PDB file of N, CA and C in Angstrom:
ATOM      1  N   LEU A   1      52.425 106.122 -35.097  1.00  0.00           N
ATOM      2  CA  LEU A   1      52.413 107.394 -35.543  1.00  0.00           C
ATOM      3  C   LEU A   1      52.827 108.148 -34.376  1.00  0.00           C
ATOM      4  N   HIS A   2      54.164 107.982 -33.906  1.00  0.00           N
ATOM      5  CA  HIS A   2      54.265 108.723 -32.477  1.00  0.00           C
ATOM      6  C   HIS A   2      55.478 109.761 -33.067  1.00  0.00           C
ATOM      7  N   THR A   3      55.563 110.292 -34.404  1.00  0.00           N
ATOM      8  CA  THR A   3      56.618 111.082 -34.715  1.00  0.00           C
ATOM      9  C   THR A   3      56.150 112.471 -34.828  1.00  0.00           C
ATOM     10  N   GLY A   4      54.832 112.833 -34.480  1.00  0.00           N
ATOM     11  CA  GLY A   4      54.390 114.152 -34.380  1.00  0.00           C
ATOM     12  C   GLY A   4      54.042 114.635 -35.610  1.00  0.00           C
ATOM     13  N   GLU A   5      54.385 113.732 -36.775  1.00  0.00           N
ATOM     14  CA  GLU A   5      54.034 114.015 -38.126  1.00  0.00           C
ATOM     15  C   GLU A   5      52.521 114.087 -38.157  1.00  0.00           C
ATOM     16  N   GLN A   6      51.867 114.998 -38.897  1.00  0.00           N
ATOM     17  CA  GLN A   6      50.580 115.083 -39.155  1.00  0.00           C
ATOM     18  C   GLN A   6      50.219 115.330 -40.754  1.00  0.00           C
ATOM     19  N   PRO A   7      50.150 114.116 -41.362  1.00  0.00           N
ATOM     20  CA  PRO A   7      50.030 114.411 -42.879  1.00  0.00           C
ATOM     21  C   PRO A   7      48.718 114.530 -43.361  1.00  0.00           C
ATOM     22  N   PHE A   8      47.769 114.652 -42.747  1.00  0.00           N
ATOM     23  CA  PHE A   8      46.380 114.895 -43.167  1.00  0.00           C
ATOM     24  C   PHE A   8      46.034 116.341 -43.205  1.00  0.00           C
ATOM     25  N   LYS A   9      46.086 117.266 -44.227  1.00  0.00           N
ATOM     26  CA  LYS A   9      45.690 118.607 -44.105  1.00  0.00           C
ATOM     27  C   LYS A   9      44.445 118.956 -44.851  1.00  0.00           C
ATOM     28  N   CYS A  10      43.865 119.961 -44.232  1.00  0.00           N
ATOM     29  CA  CYS A  10      42.613 120.357 -44.517  1.00  0.00           C
ATOM     30  C   CYS A  10      42.893 121.620 -45.790  1.00  0.00           C
ATOM     31  N   SER A  11      42.251 121.208 -46.788  1.00  0.00           N
ATOM     32  CA  SER A  11      42.534 122.167 -47.943  1.00  0.00           C
ATOM     33  C   SER A  11      41.899 123.649 -47.663  1.00  0.00           C
ATOM     34  N   ASP A  12      40.874 123.527 -46.777  1.00  0.00           N
ATOM     35  CA  ASP A  12      40.371 124.967 -46.670  1.00  0.00           C
ATOM     36  C   ASP A  12      41.192 125.893 -45.672  1.00  0.00           C
ATOM     37  N   CYS A  13      41.636 125.255 -44.583  1.00  0.00           N
ATOM     38  CA  CYS A  13      42.348 126.104 -43.550  1.00  0.00           C
ATOM     39  C   CYS A  13      43.599 125.717 -43.295  1.00  0.00           C
ATOM     40  N   ARG A  14      44.040 124.501 -43.871  1.00  0.00           N
ATOM     41  CA  ARG A  14      45.668 123.952 -43.530  1.00  0.00           C
ATOM     42  C   ARG A  14      45.852 123.521 -42.195  1.00  0.00           C
ATOM     43  N   LYS A  15      44.682 123.162 -41.414  1.00  0.00           N
ATOM     44  CA  LYS A  15      44.995 122.663 -40.278  1.00  0.00           C
ATOM     45  C   LYS A  15      45.435 121.011 -40.406  1.00  0.00           C
ATOM     46  N   SER A  16      46.251 120.645 -39.442  1.00  0.00           N
ATOM     47  CA  SER A  16      46.914 119.235 -40.000  1.00  0.00           C
ATOM     48  C   SER A  16      46.454 117.963 -38.930  1.00  0.00           C
ATOM     49  N   PHE A  17      46.246 116.893 -39.202  1.00  0.00           N
ATOM     50  CA  PHE A  17      46.043 115.992 -38.517  1.00  0.00           C
ATOM     51  C   PHE A  17      46.670 114.669 -38.578  1.00  0.00           C
ATOM     52  N   VAL A  18      46.982 113.865 -37.341  1.00  0.00           N
ATOM     53  CA  VAL A  18      47.633 112.611 -37.515  1.00  0.00           C
ATOM     54  C   VAL A  18      46.803 111.560 -38.207  1.00  0.00           C
ATOM     55  N   HIS A  19      45.671 111.528 -37.840  1.00  0.00           N
ATOM     56  CA  HIS A  19      44.769 110.537 -38.415  1.00  0.00           C
ATOM     57  C   HIS A  19      43.595 111.180 -39.578  1.00  0.00           C
ATOM     58  N   ARG A  20      43.476 110.310 -40.642  1.00  0.00           N
ATOM     59  CA  ARG A  20      42.401 110.914 -41.631  1.00  0.00           C
ATOM     60  C   ARG A  20      41.203 111.054 -41.137  1.00  0.00           C
ATOM     61  N   SER A  21      40.784 110.117 -40.107  1.00  0.00           N
ATOM     62  CA  SER A  21      39.496 110.204 -39.513  1.00  0.00           C
ATOM     63  C   SER A  21      39.097 111.482 -38.905  1.00  0.00           C
ATOM     64  N   ASN A  22      40.231 112.026 -38.161  1.00  0.00           N
ATOM     65  CA  ASN A  22      40.032 113.349 -37.691  1.00  0.00           C
ATOM     66  C   ASN A  22      40.030 114.538 -38.678  1.00  0.00           C
ATOM     67  N   LEU A  23      40.472 114.396 -39.723  1.00  0.00           N
ATOM     68  CA  LEU A  23      40.327 115.136 -40.912  1.00  0.00           C
ATOM     69  C   LEU A  23      38.924 115.363 -41.454  1.00  0.00           C
ATOM     70  N   VAL A  24      38.455 114.102 -41.698  1.00  0.00           N
ATOM     71  CA  VAL A  24      37.092 113.826 -42.058  1.00  0.00           C
ATOM     72  C   VAL A  24      35.953 114.504 -41.089  1.00  0.00           C
ATOM     73  N   ILE A  25      36.069 114.455 -39.876  1.00  0.00           N
ATOM     74  CA  ILE A  25      35.372 114.952 -38.808  1.00  0.00           C
ATOM     75  C   ILE A  25      35.514 116.575 -39.103  1.00  0.00           C
ATOM     76  N   HIS A  26      36.716 117.052 -39.050  1.00  0.00           N
ATOM     77  CA  HIS A  26      37.087 118.410 -39.187  1.00  0.00           C
ATOM     78  C   HIS A  26      36.215 119.037 -40.406  1.00  0.00           C
ATOM     79  N   TRP A  27      36.485 118.420 -41.425  1.00  0.00           N
ATOM     80  CA  TRP A  27      35.651 118.796 -42.818  1.00  0.00           C
ATOM     81  C   TRP A  27      34.288 119.096 -42.593  1.00  0.00           C
ATOM     82  N   CYS A  28      33.584 118.401 -41.655  1.00  0.00           N
ATOM     83  CA  CYS A  28      32.180 119.035 -41.552  1.00  0.00           C
ATOM     84  C   CYS A  28      32.078 120.225 -40.702  1.00  0.00           C
ATOM     85  N   ILE A  29      33.007 120.761 -40.195  1.00  0.00           N
ATOM     86  CA  ILE A  29      32.931 122.033 -39.559  1.00  0.00           C
ATOM     87  C   ILE A  29      32.941 123.019 -40.929  1.00  0.00           C
ATOM     88  N   HIS A  30      33.726 122.804 -41.919  1.00  0.00           N
ATOM     89  CA  HIS A  30      33.748 123.682 -42.958  1.00  0.00           C
ATOM     90  C   HIS A  30      32.503 123.509 -43.784  1.00  0.00           C
ATOM     91  N   SER A  31      32.009 122.386 -44.005  1.00  0.00           N
ATOM     92  CA  SER A  31      30.796 122.266 -44.847  1.00  0.00           C
ATOM     93  C   SER A  31      29.389 122.353 -44.056  1.00  0.00           C
ATOM     94  N   ARG A  32      29.541 122.309 -43.039  1.00  0.00           N
ATOM     95  CA  ARG A  32      28.321 122.475 -41.988  1.00  0.00           C
ATOM     96  C   ARG A  32      27.398 121.416 -42.265  1.00  0.00           C
ATOM     97  N   GLU A  33      27.906 120.244 -42.910  1.00  0.00           N
ATOM     98  CA  GLU A  33      27.033 119.188 -43.255  1.00  0.00           C
ATOM     99  C   GLU A  33      26.796 118.347 -41.840  1.00  0.00           C
ATOM    100  N   LYS A  34      25.467 118.205 -41.623  1.00  0.00           N
ATOM    101  CA  LYS A  34      24.897 117.447 -40.303  1.00  0.00           C
ATOM    102  C   LYS A  34      24.250 116.337 -40.614  1.00  0.00           C
ATOM    103  N   LEU A  35      24.884 115.260 -40.574  1.00  0.00           N
ATOM    104  CA  LEU A  35      24.540 113.984 -41.192  1.00  0.00           C
ATOM    105  C   LEU A  35      23.580 113.234 -40.147  1.00  0.00           C
ATOM    106  N   TYR A  36      23.705 113.569 -38.727  1.00  0.00           N
ATOM    107  CA  TYR A  36      23.111 112.741 -37.589  1.00  0.00           C
ATOM    108  C   TYR A  36      21.865 113.419 -37.233  1.00  0.00           C
ATOM    109  N   GLU A  37      20.638 112.876 -37.285  1.00  0.00           N
ATOM    110  CA  GLU A  37      19.541 113.567 -36.812  1.00  0.00           C
ATOM    111  C   GLU A  37      19.156 112.759 -35.630  1.00  0.00           C
ATOM    112  N   CYS A  38      18.695 113.422 -34.690  1.00  0.00           N
ATOM    113  CA  CYS A  38      17.879 113.137 -33.297  1.00  0.00           C
ATOM    114  C   CYS A  38      16.403 112.602 -34.032  1.00  0.00           C
ATOM    115  N   PRO A  39      15.949 111.480 -33.733  1.00  0.00           N
ATOM    116  CA  PRO A  39      14.676 111.020 -34.193  1.00  0.00           C
ATOM    117  C   PRO A  39      13.667 111.529 -33.260  1.00  0.00           C
ATOM    118  N   GLU A  40      13.934 111.965 -32.029  1.00  0.00           N
ATOM    119  CA  GLU A  40      12.896 112.670 -31.017  1.00  0.00           C
ATOM    120  C   GLU A  40      12.668 113.999 -31.584  1.00  0.00           C
ATOM    121  N   CYS A  41      13.597 114.860 -32.030  1.00  0.00           N
ATOM    122  CA  CYS A  41      13.402 116.189 -32.131  1.00  0.00           C
ATOM    123  C   CYS A  41      13.728 116.940 -33.382  1.00  0.00           C
ATOM    124  N   GLY A  42      14.414 116.032 -34.290  1.00  0.00           N
ATOM    125  CA  GLY A  42      14.892 116.507 -35.584  1.00  0.00           C
ATOM    126  C   GLY A  42      15.994 117.244 -35.537  1.00  0.00           C
ATOM    127  N   LYS A  43      16.677 117.599 -34.499  1.00  0.00           N
ATOM    128  CA  LYS A  43      17.990 118.310 -34.365  1.00  0.00           C
ATOM    129  C   LYS A  43      19.149 117.545 -35.257  1.00  0.00           C
ATOM    130  N   ARG A  44      19.876 118.283 -35.848  1.00  0.00           N
ATOM    131  CA  ARG A  44      20.939 117.637 -36.652  1.00  0.00           C
ATOM    132  C   ARG A  44      22.348 117.704 -36.088  1.00  0.00           C
ATOM    133  N   PHE A  45      23.061 116.812 -36.132  1.00  0.00           N
ATOM    134  CA  PHE A  45      24.513 117.004 -35.601  1.00  0.00           C
ATOM    135  C   PHE A  45      25.287 116.485 -36.569  1.00  0.00           C
ATOM    136  N   TRP A  46      26.680 116.895 -36.724  1.00  0.00           N
ATOM    137  CA  TRP A  46      27.965 116.731 -37.587  1.00  0.00           C
ATOM    138  C   TRP A  46      28.507 115.333 -36.926  1.00  0.00           C
ATOM    139  N   SER A  47      28.225 114.973 -35.686  1.00  0.00           N
ATOM    140  CA  SER A  47      28.982 113.813 -35.174  1.00  0.00           C
ATOM    141  C   SER A  47      28.121 113.060 -34.491  1.00  0.00           C
ATOM    142  N   SER A  48      28.141 111.680 -34.552  1.00  0.00           N
ATOM    143  CA  SER A  48      27.491 110.535 -34.129  1.00  0.00           C
ATOM    144  C   SER A  48      27.456 110.597 -32.325  1.00  0.00           C
ATOM    145  N   SER A  49      28.773 111.109 -32.091  1.00  0.00           N
ATOM    146  CA  SER A  49      29.105 111.162 -30.517  1.00  0.00           C
ATOM    147  C   SER A  49      28.324 112.075 -29.980  1.00  0.00           C
ATOM    148  N   ILE A  50      28.164 113.320 -30.772  1.00  0.00           N
ATOM    149  CA  ILE A  50      27.428 114.555 -30.124  1.00  0.00           C
ATOM    150  C   ILE A  50      26.000 114.257 -30.228  1.00  0.00           C
ATOM    151  N   LEU A  51      25.442 113.559 -31.122  1.00  0.00           N
ATOM    152  CA  LEU A  51      24.189 113.188 -31.096  1.00  0.00           C
ATOM    153  C   LEU A  51      23.657 112.278 -30.068  1.00  0.00           C
ATOM    154  N   ILE A  52      24.711 111.317 -29.742  1.00  0.00           N
ATOM    155  CA  ILE A  52      24.644 110.465 -28.573  1.00  0.00           C
ATOM    156  C   ILE A  52      24.344 111.113 -27.115  1.00  0.00           C
ATOM    157  N   LYS A  53      25.281 112.034 -27.008  1.00  0.00           N
ATOM    158  CA  LYS A  53      25.194 112.987 -25.933  1.00  0.00           C
ATOM    159  C   LYS A  53      23.955 113.756 -25.757  1.00  0.00           C
ATOM    160  N   HIS A  54      23.506 114.545 -26.876  1.00  0.00           N
ATOM    161  CA  HIS A  54      22.238 115.150 -27.095  1.00  0.00           C
ATOM    162  C   HIS A  54      21.181 114.165 -26.511  1.00  0.00           C
ATOM    163  N   GLN A  55      21.077 112.855 -27.060  1.00  0.00           N
ATOM    164  CA  GLN A  55      19.975 111.977 -26.809  1.00  0.00           C
ATOM    165  C   GLN A  55      20.030 111.485 -25.255  1.00  0.00           C
ATOM    166  N   GLN A  56      21.175 111.535 -24.876  1.00  0.00           N
ATOM    167  CA  GLN A  56      21.215 111.225 -23.297  1.00  0.00           C
ATOM    168  C   GLN A  56      20.632 112.356 -22.425  1.00  0.00           C
ATOM    169  N   THR A  57      20.887 113.750 -22.809  1.00  0.00           N
ATOM    170  CA  THR A  57      20.181 114.721 -22.127  1.00  0.00           C
ATOM    171  C   THR A  57      18.790 114.683 -22.295  1.00  0.00           C
ATOM    172  N   ARG A  58      18.300 114.127 -23.294  1.00  0.00           N
ATOM    173  CA  ARG A  58      16.845 114.477 -23.657  1.00  0.00           C
ATOM    174  C   ARG A  58      16.232 113.135 -23.159  1.00  0.00           C
ATOM    175  N   THR A  59      16.738 112.332 -22.378  1.00  0.00           N
ATOM    176  CA  THR A  59      16.200 111.194 -21.506  1.00  0.00           C
ATOM    177  C   THR A  59      16.522 111.173 -20.255  1.00  0.00           C
ATOM    178  N   ASP A  60      15.952 110.370 -19.509  1.00  0.00           N
ATOM    179  CA  ASP A  60      16.383 110.281 -18.103  1.00  0.00           C
ATOM    180  C   ASP A  60      17.428 109.032 -17.846  1.00  0.00           C
ATOM    181  N   GLU A  61      18.043 108.854 -18.769  1.00  0.00           N
ATOM    182  CA  GLU A  61      19.200 107.816 -18.912  1.00  0.00           C
ATOM    183  C   GLU A  61      20.362 108.518 -18.187  1.00  0.00           C
ATOM    184  N   THR A  62      20.878 107.600 -17.083  1.00  0.00           N
ATOM    185  CA  THR A  62      21.882 108.180 -16.237  1.00  0.00           C
ATOM    186  C   THR A  62      22.964 107.116 -16.197  1.00  0.00           C
ATOM    187  N   PRO A  63      23.764 106.820 -17.147  1.00  0.00           N
ATOM    188  CA  PRO A  63      24.711 105.581 -17.225  1.00  0.00           C
ATOM    189  C   PRO A  63      25.867 105.819 -16.246  1.00  0.00           C
ATOM    190  N   TYR A  64      26.280 106.970 -15.765  1.00  0.00           N
ATOM    191  CA  TYR A  64      27.450 107.346 -14.991  1.00  0.00           C
ATOM    192  C   TYR A  64      27.361 107.641 -13.684  1.00  0.00           C
ATOM    193  N   ASP A  65      27.844 106.300 -12.868  1.00  0.00           N
ATOM    194  CA  ASP A  65      27.479 106.213 -11.205  1.00  0.00           C
ATOM    195  C   ASP A  65      28.814 106.785 -10.481  1.00  0.00           C
ATOM    196  N   CYS A  66      28.555 107.772  -9.551  1.00  0.00           N
ATOM    197  CA  CYS A  66      29.526 107.957  -8.604  1.00  0.00           C
ATOM    198  C   CYS A  66      29.826 106.720  -7.688  1.00  0.00           C
ATOM    199  N   LEU A  67      30.853 106.126  -7.612  1.00  0.00           N
ATOM    200  CA  LEU A  67      31.106 104.960  -6.716  1.00  0.00           C
ATOM    201  C   LEU A  67      31.335 105.429  -5.258  1.00  0.00           C
ATOM    202  N   GLU A  68      31.475 106.797  -4.879  1.00  0.00           N
ATOM    203  CA  GLU A  68      31.354 107.027  -3.445  1.00  0.00           C
ATOM    204  C   GLU A  68      30.028 107.397  -2.802  1.00  0.00           C
ATOM    205  N   CYS A  69      29.247 108.076  -3.746  1.00  0.00           N
ATOM    206  CA  CYS A  69      27.853 108.514  -2.930  1.00  0.00           C
ATOM    207  C   CYS A  69      26.470 107.951  -3.797  1.00  0.00           C
ATOM    208  N   ARG A  70      26.920 107.273  -4.903  1.00  0.00           N
ATOM    209  CA  ARG A  70      25.890 106.739  -5.874  1.00  0.00           C
ATOM    210  C   ARG A  70      25.046 107.590  -6.441  1.00  0.00           C
ATOM    211  N   LYS A  71      25.581 108.928  -6.726  1.00  0.00           N
ATOM    212  CA  LYS A  71      24.582 109.747  -7.572  1.00  0.00           C
ATOM    213  C   LYS A  71      25.004 109.378  -8.779  1.00  0.00           C
ATOM    214  N   ARG A  72      23.959 109.675  -9.693  1.00  0.00           N
ATOM    215  CA  ARG A  72      24.017 109.343 -11.171  1.00  0.00           C
ATOM    216  C   ARG A  72      23.963 110.544 -12.116  1.00  0.00           C
ATOM    217  N   PHE A  73      24.637 110.345 -13.265  1.00  0.00           N
ATOM    218  CA  PHE A  73      24.924 111.503 -14.183  1.00  0.00           C
ATOM    219  C   PHE A  73      24.470 110.992 -15.518  1.00  0.00           C
ATOM    220  N   ASN A  74      24.068 111.921 -16.606  1.00  0.00           N
ATOM    221  CA  ASN A  74      23.636 111.490 -17.773  1.00  0.00           C
ATOM    222  C   ASN A  74      24.947 111.644 -18.851  1.00  0.00           C
ATOM    223  N   GLN A  75      26.053 112.436 -18.051  1.00  0.00           N
ATOM    224  CA  GLN A  75      27.149 112.421 -19.104  1.00  0.00           C
ATOM    225  C   GLN A  75      28.389 112.331 -17.934  1.00  0.00           C
ATOM    226  N   SER A  76      29.399 111.724 -18.789  1.00  0.00           N
ATOM    227  CA  SER A  76      30.731 111.338 -18.281  1.00  0.00           C
ATOM    228  C   SER A  76      31.400 112.838 -17.610  1.00  0.00           C
ATOM    229  N   PHE A  77      31.533 113.727 -18.386  1.00  0.00           N
ATOM    230  CA  PHE A  77      32.156 114.894 -17.832  1.00  0.00           C
ATOM    231  C   PHE A  77      31.576 115.760 -16.474  1.00  0.00           C
ATOM    232  N   ALA A  78      30.296 115.336 -16.399  1.00  0.00           N
ATOM    233  CA  ALA A  78      29.497 115.819 -15.221  1.00  0.00           C
ATOM    234  C   ALA A  78      29.752 114.741 -14.008  1.00  0.00           C
ATOM    235  N   LEU A  79      29.994 113.474 -14.169  1.00  0.00           N
ATOM    236  CA  LEU A  79      30.512 112.652 -13.007  1.00  0.00           C
ATOM    237  C   LEU A  79      31.951 113.004 -12.760  1.00  0.00           C
ATOM    238  N   THR A  80      32.686 113.311 -13.997  1.00  0.00           N
ATOM    239  CA  THR A  80      34.115 113.581 -13.603  1.00  0.00           C
ATOM    240  C   THR A  80      34.166 114.988 -12.668  1.00  0.00           C
ATOM    241  N   ARG A  81      33.455 115.927 -12.932  1.00  0.00           N
ATOM    242  CA  ARG A  81      33.377 117.271 -12.314  1.00  0.00           C
ATOM    243  C   ARG A  81      32.796 117.033 -10.749  1.00  0.00           C
ATOM    244  N   HIS A  82      31.741 116.124 -10.649  1.00  0.00           N
ATOM    245  CA  HIS A  82      31.246 115.787  -9.292  1.00  0.00           C
ATOM    246  C   HIS A  82      32.444 115.205  -8.717  1.00  0.00           C
ATOM    247  N   GLN A  83      33.121 113.974  -9.229  1.00  0.00           N
ATOM    248  CA  GLN A  83      33.957 113.395  -8.161  1.00  0.00           C
ATOM    249  C   GLN A  83      35.022 114.263  -7.595  1.00  0.00           C
ATOM    250  N   GLN A  84      35.329 115.419  -7.969  1.00  0.00           N
ATOM    251  CA  GLN A  84      36.442 116.072  -7.815  1.00  0.00           C
ATOM    252  C   GLN A  84      35.794 116.706  -6.322  1.00  0.00           C
ATOM    253  N   THR A  85      34.446 116.943  -6.064  1.00  0.00           N
ATOM    254  CA  THR A  85      34.029 117.481  -4.757  1.00  0.00           C
ATOM    255  C   THR A  85      34.108 116.523  -3.784  1.00  0.00           C
ATOM    256  N   HIS A  86      34.569 115.223  -3.857  1.00  0.00           N
ATOM    257  CA  HIS A  86      34.851 114.246  -2.860  1.00  0.00           C
ATOM    258  C   HIS A  86      36.136 114.300  -2.423  1.00  0.00           C
TER     259      HIS A  86
END
């Protein structure tokens, strides 16, 4: 699908997507349906990836390492931002 065609359209706002899976995620924004619950605090999220990021911030887990200084981060974007300082 490198044609630029976006055949999957939201019936609520008419936003279009290349993949159906992206449309399904988008629908959650309209429905406010939050299917993924944090077992620690009970907070709910509409995306499993957002739940995972939330869980990483709630723990001491730091899976992202800077190869230059060995500083560790719990989110990839924080590591990326840090690496720009080197």
